[in-house]
Amino acid sequence: MIGMFLAPARSATWANNTVEANPLALHKIMQDLAVDMQAVADGISREDWPLVAKNGLRIAGHPQPPLAEKMRILNFIGSDAGKFKGYDEKIHQAGQEMKRAAARQDGTAAILAFATLQNSCLACHKSFRKSFQEHFYEQR
């Protein structure tokens, strides 16, 4: 869940509507995870277990940013790198559990795994989002 730059395209940032010429690959990864999470919520509500399994697996195996970007991010977060990696591991585990629960058509377990996923995302965002936005995106 950590990462480098996308193509030279310009895009709106997380923090506000400022424009960054070189957004982090992490930004696109987060956008894709949001789409996958919406699909899981939809799948659970309709008991579409193949959809939940597919997206649980996508969440668990989400792409990693390029190595140079990972190093840039880890350098920025310093001693909190373990905490950041821990959130990523919890997201991986929750995605795997959603996939397993969906394969068993166990709605209760799928919902619990999804709740774990959401809580992990929220905790990571509370810990890191603001500082990432300020450091990597706000215009100086």
C-alpha atoms as a PDB file:
ATOM      1  CA  MET A   1       0.000   0.000   0.000  1.00  0.00           C
ATOM      2  CA  ILE A   2       2.996   2.259  -0.266  1.00  0.00           C
ATOM      3  CA  GLY A   3       4.458   3.819  -3.445  1.00  0.00           C
ATOM      4  CA  MET A   4       6.319   6.219  -6.806  1.00  0.00           C
ATOM      5  CA  PHE A   5       4.902   8.369  -9.565  1.00  0.00           C
ATOM      6  CA  LEU A   6       2.214   7.674 -12.123  1.00  0.00           C
ATOM      7  CA  ALA A   7       2.539   8.734 -15.729  1.00  0.00           C
ATOM      8  CA  PRO A   8       3.140  12.448 -16.277  1.00  0.00           C
ATOM      9  CA  ALA A   9      -0.609  13.079 -16.402  1.00  0.00           C
ATOM     10  CA  ARG A  10      -1.928  15.756 -14.096  1.00  0.00           C
ATOM     11  CA  SER A  11      -4.641  14.865 -11.588  1.00  0.00           C
ATOM     12  CA  ALA A  12      -6.597  16.303  -8.685  1.00  0.00           C
ATOM     13  CA  THR A  13      -5.125  15.402  -5.310  1.00  0.00           C
ATOM     14  CA  TRP A  14      -6.535  13.900  -2.114  1.00  0.00           C
ATOM     15  CA  ALA A  15      -6.119  17.017  -0.060  1.00  0.00           C
ATOM     16  CA  ASN A  16      -8.037  19.443  -2.211  1.00  0.00           C
ATOM     17  CA  ASN A  17      -8.394  20.411  -5.819  1.00  0.00           C
ATOM     18  CA  THR A  18      -4.781  21.411  -6.297  1.00  0.00           C
ATOM     19  CA  VAL A  19      -2.968  19.724  -9.142  1.00  0.00           C
ATOM     20  CA  GLU A  20       0.141  17.598  -8.770  1.00  0.00           C
ATOM     21  CA  ALA A  21       2.182  16.821 -11.889  1.00  0.00           C
ATOM     22  CA  ASN A  22       3.500  13.560 -10.411  1.00  0.00           C
ATOM     23  CA  PRO A  23       0.946  11.981  -8.074  1.00  0.00           C
ATOM     24  CA  LEU A  24       1.977   8.945  -6.087  1.00  0.00           C
ATOM     25  CA  ALA A  25       1.075   5.544  -7.511  1.00  0.00           C
ATOM     26  CA  LEU A  26      -0.356   5.002  -4.034  1.00  0.00           C
ATOM     27  CA  HIS A  27      -3.145   7.428  -4.938  1.00  0.00           C
ATOM     28  CA  LYS A  28      -4.337   5.215  -7.821  1.00  0.00           C
ATOM     29  CA  ILE A  29      -3.997   2.109  -5.659  1.00  0.00           C
ATOM     30  CA  MET A  30      -6.261   3.726  -3.032  1.00  0.00           C
ATOM     31  CA  GLN A  31      -8.806   4.692  -5.698  1.00  0.00           C
ATOM     32  CA  ASP A  32      -8.880   1.116  -7.005  1.00  0.00           C
ATOM     33  CA  LEU A  33      -9.260  -0.261  -3.468  1.00  0.00           C
ATOM     34  CA  ALA A  34     -12.242   2.054  -2.930  1.00  0.00           C
ATOM     35  CA  VAL A  35     -13.904   0.646  -6.062  1.00  0.00           C
ATOM     36  CA  ASP A  36     -13.224  -2.919  -4.893  1.00  0.00           C
ATOM     37  CA  MET A  37     -14.657  -2.148  -1.444  1.00  0.00           C
ATOM     38  CA  GLN A  38     -17.826  -0.728  -2.987  1.00  0.00           C
ATOM     39  CA  ALA A  39     -18.150  -3.910  -5.048  1.00  0.00           C
ATOM     40  CA  VAL A  40     -17.779  -6.025  -1.879  1.00  0.00           C
ATOM     41  CA  ALA A  41     -20.482  -4.019  -0.097  1.00  0.00           C
ATOM     42  CA  ASP A  42     -22.755  -4.466  -3.102  1.00  0.00           C
ATOM     43  CA  GLY A  43     -21.938  -8.160  -3.317  1.00  0.00           C
ATOM     44  CA  ILE A  44     -22.631  -8.771   0.358  1.00  0.00           C
ATOM     45  CA  SER A  45     -25.957  -6.936   0.187  1.00  0.00           C
ATOM     46  CA  ARG A  46     -27.045  -9.058  -2.792  1.00  0.00           C
ATOM     47  CA  GLU A  47     -25.382 -12.252  -1.505  1.00  0.00           C
ATOM     48  CA  ASP A  48     -23.337 -12.344  -4.700  1.00  0.00           C
ATOM     49  CA  TRP A  49     -20.586 -14.530  -3.270  1.00  0.00           C
ATOM     50  CA  PRO A  50     -18.525 -14.803  -6.466  1.00  0.00           C
ATOM     51  CA  LEU A  51     -18.342 -10.973  -6.574  1.00  0.00           C
ATOM     52  CA  VAL A  52     -17.341 -10.800  -2.901  1.00  0.00           C
ATOM     53  CA  ALA A  53     -14.690 -13.500  -3.401  1.00  0.00           C
ATOM     54  CA  LYS A  54     -13.276 -11.844  -6.518  1.00  0.00           C
ATOM     55  CA  ASN A  55     -12.996  -8.426  -4.903  1.00  0.00           C
ATOM     56  CA  GLY A  56     -11.764  -9.808  -1.589  1.00  0.00           C
ATOM     57  CA  LEU A  57      -8.927 -11.397  -3.520  1.00  0.00           C
ATOM     58  CA  ARG A  58      -8.248  -8.137  -5.405  1.00  0.00           C
ATOM     59  CA  ILE A  59      -8.105  -6.256  -2.097  1.00  0.00           C
ATOM     60  CA  ALA A  60      -5.825  -8.851  -0.513  1.00  0.00           C
ATOM     61  CA  GLY A  61      -3.470  -8.757  -3.480  1.00  0.00           C
ATOM     62  CA  HIS A  62      -3.628  -5.069  -4.289  1.00  0.00           C
ATOM     63  CA  PRO A  63      -0.640  -3.765  -6.236  1.00  0.00           C
ATOM     64  CA  GLN A  64       2.331  -2.256  -4.490  1.00  0.00           C
ATOM     65  CA  PRO A  65       3.856   1.029  -5.606  1.00  0.00           C
ATOM     66  CA  PRO A  66       7.178   0.982  -7.433  1.00  0.00           C
ATOM     67  CA  LEU A  67      10.238   0.446  -5.248  1.00  0.00           C
ATOM     68  CA  ALA A  68      11.510   4.018  -5.561  1.00  0.00           C
ATOM     69  CA  GLU A  69       8.166   5.345  -4.329  1.00  0.00           C
ATOM     70  CA  LYS A  70       8.076   2.846  -1.470  1.00  0.00           C
ATOM     71  CA  MET A  71      11.475   4.088  -0.374  1.00  0.00           C
ATOM     72  CA  ARG A  72      10.324   7.698  -0.633  1.00  0.00           C
ATOM     73  CA  ILE A  73       7.253   6.987   1.502  1.00  0.00           C
ATOM     74  CA  LEU A  74       9.111   4.872   4.054  1.00  0.00           C
ATOM     75  CA  ASN A  75      11.731   7.589   4.369  1.00  0.00           C
ATOM     76  CA  PHE A  76       8.956  10.106   5.015  1.00  0.00           C
ATOM     77  CA  ILE A  77       7.151   8.047   7.672  1.00  0.00           C
ATOM     78  CA  GLY A  78      10.354   6.936   9.349  1.00  0.00           C
ATOM     79  CA  SER A  79       9.790   5.108  12.620  1.00  0.00           C
ATOM     80  CA  ASP A  80       6.086   4.616  11.776  1.00  0.00           C
ATOM     81  CA  ALA A  81       6.953   2.304   8.868  1.00  0.00           C
ATOM     82  CA  GLY A  82       6.092  -0.792  10.896  1.00  0.00           C
ATOM     83  CA  LYS A  83       2.710   0.635  11.787  1.00  0.00           C
ATOM     84  CA  PHE A  84       2.036   1.456   8.122  1.00  0.00           C
ATOM     85  CA  LYS A  85       3.077  -2.034   6.986  1.00  0.00           C
ATOM     86  CA  GLY A  86       0.943  -3.529   9.762  1.00  0.00           C
ATOM     87  CA  TYR A  87      -2.166  -1.867   8.388  1.00  0.00           C
ATOM     88  CA  ASP A  88      -1.353  -3.220   4.942  1.00  0.00           C
ATOM     89  CA  GLU A  89      -0.988  -6.733   6.374  1.00  0.00           C
ATOM     90  CA  LYS A  90      -4.366  -6.462   8.158  1.00  0.00           C
ATOM     91  CA  ILE A  91      -5.947  -5.408   4.859  1.00  0.00           C
ATOM     92  CA  HIS A  92      -4.366  -8.378   3.112  1.00  0.00           C
ATOM     93  CA  GLN A  93      -5.623 -10.781   5.790  1.00  0.00           C
ATOM     94  CA  ALA A  94      -9.155  -9.320   5.785  1.00  0.00           C
ATOM     95  CA  GLY A  95      -9.346  -9.591   1.995  1.00  0.00           C
ATOM     96  CA  GLN A  96      -8.274 -13.225   2.164  1.00  0.00           C
ATOM     97  CA  GLU A  97     -10.835 -13.942   4.869  1.00  0.00           C
ATOM     98  CA  MET A  98     -13.595 -12.276   2.795  1.00  0.00           C
ATOM     99  CA  LYS A  99     -12.661 -14.523  -0.120  1.00  0.00           C
ATOM    100  CA  ARG A 100     -12.776 -17.652   2.071  1.00  0.00           C
ATOM    101  CA  ALA A 101     -16.077 -16.616   3.680  1.00  0.00           C
ATOM    102  CA  ALA A 102     -17.611 -15.908   0.276  1.00  0.00           C
ATOM    103  CA  ALA A 103     -16.463 -19.310  -1.004  1.00  0.00           C
ATOM    104  CA  ARG A 104     -18.379 -20.864   1.925  1.00  0.00           C
ATOM    105  CA  GLN A 105     -21.294 -18.478   1.296  1.00  0.00           C
ATOM    106  CA  ASP A 106     -20.955 -17.430   4.918  1.00  0.00           C
ATOM    107  CA  GLY A 107     -22.466 -13.962   4.971  1.00  0.00           C
ATOM    108  CA  THR A 108     -21.776 -13.364   8.648  1.00  0.00           C
ATOM    109  CA  ALA A 109     -18.064 -14.138   8.267  1.00  0.00           C
ATOM    110  CA  ALA A 110     -17.860 -12.033   5.096  1.00  0.00           C
ATOM    111  CA  ILE A 111     -19.422  -9.076   6.902  1.00  0.00           C
ATOM    112  CA  LEU A 112     -17.035  -9.484   9.849  1.00  0.00           C
ATOM    113  CA  ALA A 113     -14.037  -9.595   7.505  1.00  0.00           C
ATOM    114  CA  PHE A 114     -15.344  -6.536   5.668  1.00  0.00           C
ATOM    115  CA  ALA A 115     -15.724  -4.705   8.989  1.00  0.00           C
ATOM    116  CA  THR A 116     -12.130  -5.601   9.864  1.00  0.00           C
ATOM    117  CA  LEU A 117     -11.055  -4.270   6.473  1.00  0.00           C
ATOM    118  CA  GLN A 118     -12.960  -1.010   6.930  1.00  0.00           C
ATOM    119  CA  ASN A 119     -11.582  -0.531  10.442  1.00  0.00           C
ATOM    120  CA  SER A 120      -8.031  -1.128   9.201  1.00  0.00           C
ATOM    121  CA  CYS A 121      -8.481   1.361   6.365  1.00  0.00           C
ATOM    122  CA  LEU A 122      -9.921   3.965   8.716  1.00  0.00           C
ATOM    123  CA  ALA A 123      -7.133   3.508  11.258  1.00  0.00           C
ATOM    124  CA  CYS A 124      -4.488   3.874   8.549  1.00  0.00           C
ATOM    125  CA  HIS A 125      -6.164   6.954   7.114  1.00  0.00           C
ATOM    126  CA  LYS A 126      -6.428   8.521  10.577  1.00  0.00           C
ATOM    127  CA  SER A 127      -2.743   7.852  11.152  1.00  0.00           C
ATOM    128  CA  PHE A 128      -1.316   8.830   7.769  1.00  0.00           C
ATOM    129  CA  ARG A 129      -3.667  10.511   5.293  1.00  0.00           C
ATOM    130  CA  LYS A 130      -3.319  14.108   6.476  1.00  0.00           C
ATOM    131  CA  SER A 131       0.464  14.006   6.711  1.00  0.00           C
ATOM    132  CA  PHE A 132       0.722  12.322   3.284  1.00  0.00           C
ATOM    133  CA  GLN A 133      -1.538  14.948   1.733  1.00  0.00           C
ATOM    134  CA  GLU A 134       0.448  17.768   3.254  1.00  0.00           C
ATOM    135  CA  HIS A 135       3.846  16.310   2.406  1.00  0.00           C
ATOM    136  CA  PHE A 136       3.247  14.889  -1.059  1.00  0.00           C
ATOM    137  CA  TYR A 137       0.455  17.043  -2.482  1.00  0.00           C
ATOM    138  CA  GLU A 138       0.021  20.499  -1.026  1.00  0.00           C
ATOM    139  CA  GLN A 139       1.584  23.136  -3.206  1.00  0.00           C
ATOM    140  CA  ARG A 140       4.425  24.986  -1.590  1.00  0.00           C
END
